[in-house]
Amino acid sequence: MTKIKWLSLKGKIIAVWKPKGPTSFDIIRKLRNLTGVKKIGHAGTLDPLASGILVVGIGREATKKLHEVAETEKEYLATIKFGAESTTDDEAGRKTKVRIVKKPSRIKIEKVLLEFCGKILQQPPIFSAIKVGGKRAYELARQGQKVKLKKRQVEVKE
């Protein structure tokens, strides 16, 4: 396969859709192969089970500016399913049914969600892409190792 020289992209910061499955670095590797540009980086890792926008810098100048993008606001969307718990806090884990006495109303759910708004201390799940000693927390957790992540201050706007 002939490598395509995407000179118009060198020095640019672009948004790339990362589907569920590949790691963020898998996407970077593919872009390096397609463009022939070795210096490609991304602003923030998405877990393999997450899909979404991966912000990518192509070339040295663009990768130097990625920290600016990483500091901006982000939006996350999630689907929540009532009636089950997961050993990994996501769809990959073993599911256990949970008996729901009464399904909460939309008003009740919205009221509880308001408690998460503002500046809060958030406990990241051990099955996350946060690095611990150079390895992703989810890799260590899936190997059965104990993972301890510190709470982080985050601001939830809505």
C-alpha atoms as a PDB file:
ATOM      1  CA  MET A   1       0.000   0.000   0.000  1.00  0.00           C
ATOM      2  CA  THR A   2       1.374   3.384  -0.988  1.00  0.00           C
ATOM      3  CA  LYS A   3       1.503   5.956   1.753  1.00  0.00           C
ATOM      4  CA  ILE A   4      -0.467   9.107   1.074  1.00  0.00           C
ATOM      5  CA  LYS A   5       1.330  12.356   1.826  1.00  0.00           C
ATOM      6  CA  TRP A   6      -1.323  14.576   3.376  1.00  0.00           C
ATOM      7  CA  LEU A   7       0.705  17.729   3.389  1.00  0.00           C
ATOM      8  CA  SER A   8      -2.416  19.843   3.868  1.00  0.00           C
ATOM      9  CA  LEU A   9      -3.016  18.156   7.241  1.00  0.00           C
ATOM     10  CA  LYS A  10       0.518  18.529   8.600  1.00  0.00           C
ATOM     11  CA  GLY A  11       0.516  21.199  11.295  1.00  0.00           C
ATOM     12  CA  LYS A  12      -3.234  20.831  11.800  1.00  0.00           C
ATOM     13  CA  ILE A  13      -5.397  19.756  14.700  1.00  0.00           C
ATOM     14  CA  ILE A  14      -8.291  17.623  13.491  1.00  0.00           C
ATOM     15  CA  ALA A  15     -11.233  15.732  14.988  1.00  0.00           C
ATOM     16  CA  VAL A  16     -11.323  11.986  14.268  1.00  0.00           C
ATOM     17  CA  TRP A  17     -14.253   9.717  15.124  1.00  0.00           C
ATOM     18  CA  LYS A  18     -13.013   6.792  17.263  1.00  0.00           C
ATOM     19  CA  PRO A  19     -15.440   3.876  17.169  1.00  0.00           C
ATOM     20  CA  LYS A  20     -15.948   1.440  20.015  1.00  0.00           C
ATOM     21  CA  GLY A  21     -13.211  -1.216  19.955  1.00  0.00           C
ATOM     22  CA  PRO A  22      -9.843   0.222  18.969  1.00  0.00           C
ATOM     23  CA  THR A  23      -7.648   2.080  21.435  1.00  0.00           C
ATOM     24  CA  SER A  24      -6.818   5.729  20.879  1.00  0.00           C
ATOM     25  CA  PHE A  25      -3.279   4.681  19.946  1.00  0.00           C
ATOM     26  CA  ASP A  26      -4.671   2.231  17.354  1.00  0.00           C
ATOM     27  CA  ILE A  27      -6.210   5.274  15.635  1.00  0.00           C
ATOM     28  CA  ILE A  28      -2.911   7.191  15.818  1.00  0.00           C
ATOM     29  CA  ARG A  29      -1.032   4.192  14.377  1.00  0.00           C
ATOM     30  CA  LYS A  30      -3.490   4.012  11.467  1.00  0.00           C
ATOM     31  CA  LEU A  31      -3.123   7.748  10.791  1.00  0.00           C
ATOM     32  CA  ARG A  32       0.679   7.440  10.816  1.00  0.00           C
ATOM     33  CA  ASN A  33       0.464   4.625   8.284  1.00  0.00           C
ATOM     34  CA  LEU A  34      -1.965   6.565   6.061  1.00  0.00           C
ATOM     35  CA  THR A  35      -0.137   9.885   6.115  1.00  0.00           C
ATOM     36  CA  GLY A  36       3.509   8.879   6.473  1.00  0.00           C
ATOM     37  CA  VAL A  37       3.777  11.477   9.269  1.00  0.00           C
ATOM     38  CA  LYS A  38       5.494  10.065  12.356  1.00  0.00           C
ATOM     39  CA  LYS A  39       4.776  12.931  14.764  1.00  0.00           C
ATOM     40  CA  ILE A  40       1.055  12.480  15.477  1.00  0.00           C
ATOM     41  CA  GLY A  41      -0.521  12.699  18.927  1.00  0.00           C
ATOM     42  CA  HIS A  42      -3.896  13.050  20.590  1.00  0.00           C
ATOM     43  CA  ALA A  43      -5.434  15.139  23.363  1.00  0.00           C
ATOM     44  CA  GLY A  44      -6.969  12.735  25.847  1.00  0.00           C
ATOM     45  CA  THR A  45      -7.403   8.994  25.664  1.00  0.00           C
ATOM     46  CA  LEU A  46     -10.758   7.368  25.036  1.00  0.00           C
ATOM     47  CA  ASP A  47     -11.304   3.950  26.580  1.00  0.00           C
ATOM     48  CA  PRO A  48     -11.566   1.118  24.022  1.00  0.00           C
ATOM     49  CA  LEU A  49     -15.269   0.690  24.878  1.00  0.00           C
ATOM     50  CA  ALA A  50     -15.948   4.389  24.268  1.00  0.00           C
ATOM     51  CA  SER A  51     -16.760   5.948  20.940  1.00  0.00           C
ATOM     52  CA  GLY A  52     -16.336   9.635  20.311  1.00  0.00           C
ATOM     53  CA  ILE A  53     -14.183  12.435  18.999  1.00  0.00           C
ATOM     54  CA  LEU A  54     -10.434  11.975  19.335  1.00  0.00           C
ATOM     55  CA  VAL A  55      -8.632  15.302  18.900  1.00  0.00           C
ATOM     56  CA  VAL A  56      -5.475  14.644  16.876  1.00  0.00           C
ATOM     57  CA  GLY A  57      -2.461  16.833  16.156  1.00  0.00           C
ATOM     58  CA  ILE A  58      -0.527  16.077  12.969  1.00  0.00           C
ATOM     59  CA  GLY A  59       3.082  17.232  12.978  1.00  0.00           C
ATOM     60  CA  ARG A  60       5.345  18.728  15.618  1.00  0.00           C
ATOM     61  CA  GLU A  61       3.704  22.180  15.801  1.00  0.00           C
ATOM     62  CA  ALA A  62       0.196  20.736  16.132  1.00  0.00           C
ATOM     63  CA  THR A  63       1.150  18.207  18.820  1.00  0.00           C
ATOM     64  CA  LYS A  64       2.733  21.013  20.862  1.00  0.00           C
ATOM     65  CA  LYS A  65      -0.674  22.756  20.938  1.00  0.00           C
ATOM     66  CA  LEU A  66      -2.736  19.708  21.961  1.00  0.00           C
ATOM     67  CA  HIS A  67      -2.527  20.615  25.670  1.00  0.00           C
ATOM     68  CA  GLU A  68      -4.614  23.715  24.889  1.00  0.00           C
ATOM     69  CA  VAL A  69      -7.381  21.524  23.489  1.00  0.00           C
ATOM     70  CA  ALA A  70      -7.145  19.092  26.407  1.00  0.00           C
ATOM     71  CA  GLU A  71      -7.892  21.940  28.830  1.00  0.00           C
ATOM     72  CA  THR A  72     -11.151  22.941  27.117  1.00  0.00           C
ATOM     73  CA  GLU A  73     -14.654  21.801  28.060  1.00  0.00           C
ATOM     74  CA  LYS A  74     -15.841  18.388  26.940  1.00  0.00           C
ATOM     75  CA  GLU A  75     -19.235  16.792  26.599  1.00  0.00           C
ATOM     76  CA  TYR A  76     -20.028  13.196  27.439  1.00  0.00           C
ATOM     77  CA  LEU A  77     -23.183  11.271  26.649  1.00  0.00           C
ATOM     78  CA  ALA A  78     -24.080   8.005  28.341  1.00  0.00           C
ATOM     79  CA  THR A  79     -26.858   5.475  28.313  1.00  0.00           C
ATOM     80  CA  ILE A  80     -27.856   4.065  31.681  1.00  0.00           C
ATOM     81  CA  LYS A  81     -29.695   0.781  32.072  1.00  0.00           C
ATOM     82  CA  PHE A  82     -31.580   0.128  35.296  1.00  0.00           C
ATOM     83  CA  GLY A  83     -31.837  -3.367  36.741  1.00  0.00           C
ATOM     84  CA  ALA A  84     -28.252  -4.604  36.404  1.00  0.00           C
ATOM     85  CA  GLU A  85     -24.797  -4.027  37.866  1.00  0.00           C
ATOM     86  CA  SER A  86     -21.522  -4.723  36.090  1.00  0.00           C
ATOM     87  CA  THR A  87     -18.261  -5.928  37.653  1.00  0.00           C
ATOM     88  CA  THR A  88     -16.401  -3.387  35.514  1.00  0.00           C
ATOM     89  CA  ASP A  89     -18.893  -0.473  35.673  1.00  0.00           C
ATOM     90  CA  ASP A  90     -19.356  -0.813  31.904  1.00  0.00           C
ATOM     91  CA  GLU A  91     -20.825  -3.172  29.325  1.00  0.00           C
ATOM     92  CA  ALA A  92     -17.769  -5.458  29.328  1.00  0.00           C
ATOM     93  CA  GLY A  93     -18.194  -6.785  32.853  1.00  0.00           C
ATOM     94  CA  ARG A  94     -20.212  -9.680  34.193  1.00  0.00           C
ATOM     95  CA  LYS A  95     -23.779  -8.532  34.824  1.00  0.00           C
ATOM     96  CA  THR A  96     -25.798  -9.164  37.941  1.00  0.00           C
ATOM     97  CA  LYS A  97     -29.521  -8.459  37.965  1.00  0.00           C
ATOM     98  CA  VAL A  98     -30.670  -6.006  40.606  1.00  0.00           C
ATOM     99  CA  ARG A  99     -34.239  -5.994  41.784  1.00  0.00           C
ATOM    100  CA  ILE A 100     -35.833  -2.601  41.392  1.00  0.00           C
ATOM    101  CA  VAL A 101     -38.667  -2.116  43.836  1.00  0.00           C
ATOM    102  CA  LYS A 102     -40.018   0.905  42.000  1.00  0.00           C
ATOM    103  CA  LYS A 103     -38.649   2.478  38.827  1.00  0.00           C
ATOM    104  CA  PRO A 104     -37.612   6.059  39.654  1.00  0.00           C
ATOM    105  CA  SER A 105     -39.524   8.846  37.928  1.00  0.00           C
ATOM    106  CA  ARG A 106     -37.835  11.181  35.480  1.00  0.00           C
ATOM    107  CA  ILE A 107     -38.260  14.018  38.033  1.00  0.00           C
ATOM    108  CA  LYS A 108     -36.497  11.944  40.733  1.00  0.00           C
ATOM    109  CA  ILE A 109     -33.651  11.040  38.348  1.00  0.00           C
ATOM    110  CA  GLU A 110     -33.186  14.671  37.328  1.00  0.00           C
ATOM    111  CA  LYS A 111     -33.156  15.739  40.995  1.00  0.00           C
ATOM    112  CA  VAL A 112     -30.433  13.209  41.843  1.00  0.00           C
ATOM    113  CA  LEU A 113     -28.396  14.229  38.787  1.00  0.00           C
ATOM    114  CA  LEU A 114     -28.354  17.828  40.051  1.00  0.00           C
ATOM    115  CA  GLU A 115     -26.251  16.605  43.013  1.00  0.00           C
ATOM    116  CA  PHE A 116     -23.449  15.917  40.519  1.00  0.00           C
ATOM    117  CA  CYS A 117     -23.423  19.481  39.163  1.00  0.00           C
ATOM    118  CA  GLY A 118     -20.771  21.989  40.145  1.00  0.00           C
ATOM    119  CA  LYS A 119     -17.241  21.289  41.326  1.00  0.00           C
ATOM    120  CA  ILE A 120     -17.153  17.791  42.774  1.00  0.00           C
ATOM    121  CA  LEU A 121     -14.575  15.191  43.729  1.00  0.00           C
ATOM    122  CA  GLN A 122     -14.937  12.281  41.336  1.00  0.00           C
ATOM    123  CA  GLN A 123     -13.651   8.769  41.972  1.00  0.00           C
ATOM    124  CA  PRO A 124     -12.500   7.424  38.600  1.00  0.00           C
ATOM    125  CA  PRO A 125     -13.444   3.802  37.951  1.00  0.00           C
ATOM    126  CA  ILE A 126     -10.570   1.313  38.002  1.00  0.00           C
ATOM    127  CA  PHE A 127     -11.591   0.274  34.492  1.00  0.00           C
ATOM    128  CA  SER A 128     -10.472   3.593  32.995  1.00  0.00           C
ATOM    129  CA  ALA A 129      -7.713   4.754  30.643  1.00  0.00           C
ATOM    130  CA  ILE A 130      -5.922   6.663  33.423  1.00  0.00           C
ATOM    131  CA  LYS A 131      -2.278   5.630  33.574  1.00  0.00           C
ATOM    132  CA  VAL A 132      -0.889   4.004  36.722  1.00  0.00           C
ATOM    133  CA  GLY A 133       2.849   3.379  36.669  1.00  0.00           C
ATOM    134  CA  GLY A 134       2.893   3.689  32.875  1.00  0.00           C
ATOM    135  CA  LYS A 135       0.017   1.234  32.283  1.00  0.00           C
ATOM    136  CA  ARG A 136      -3.670   1.877  31.722  1.00  0.00           C
ATOM    137  CA  ALA A 137      -5.774   1.244  34.837  1.00  0.00           C
ATOM    138  CA  TYR A 138      -8.187  -0.972  32.866  1.00  0.00           C
ATOM    139  CA  GLU A 139      -5.298  -3.230  31.761  1.00  0.00           C
ATOM    140  CA  LEU A 140      -4.148  -3.707  35.368  1.00  0.00           C
ATOM    141  CA  ALA A 141      -7.710  -4.251  36.629  1.00  0.00           C
ATOM    142  CA  ARG A 142      -8.419  -6.880  33.955  1.00  0.00           C
ATOM    143  CA  GLN A 143      -5.244  -8.690  35.043  1.00  0.00           C
ATOM    144  CA  GLY A 144      -6.706  -8.885  38.543  1.00  0.00           C
ATOM    145  CA  GLN A 145      -4.304  -6.347  40.045  1.00  0.00           C
ATOM    146  CA  LYS A 146      -5.499  -3.906  42.695  1.00  0.00           C
ATOM    147  CA  VAL A 147      -5.782  -0.421  41.265  1.00  0.00           C
ATOM    148  CA  LYS A 148      -6.010   2.676  43.453  1.00  0.00           C
ATOM    149  CA  LEU A 149      -6.935   5.905  41.718  1.00  0.00           C
ATOM    150  CA  LYS A 150      -7.077   9.232  43.509  1.00  0.00           C
ATOM    151  CA  LYS A 151     -10.235  11.302  43.447  1.00  0.00           C
ATOM    152  CA  ARG A 152     -10.103  14.192  41.000  1.00  0.00           C
ATOM    153  CA  GLN A 153     -11.844  17.529  41.093  1.00  0.00           C
ATOM    154  CA  VAL A 154     -14.093  17.978  38.094  1.00  0.00           C
ATOM    155  CA  GLU A 155     -16.728  20.515  37.199  1.00  0.00           C
ATOM    156  CA  VAL A 156     -20.029  19.292  35.823  1.00  0.00           C
ATOM    157  CA  LYS A 157     -22.042  22.071  34.217  1.00  0.00           C
ATOM    158  CA  GLU A 158     -25.214  20.178  33.365  1.00  0.00           C
END
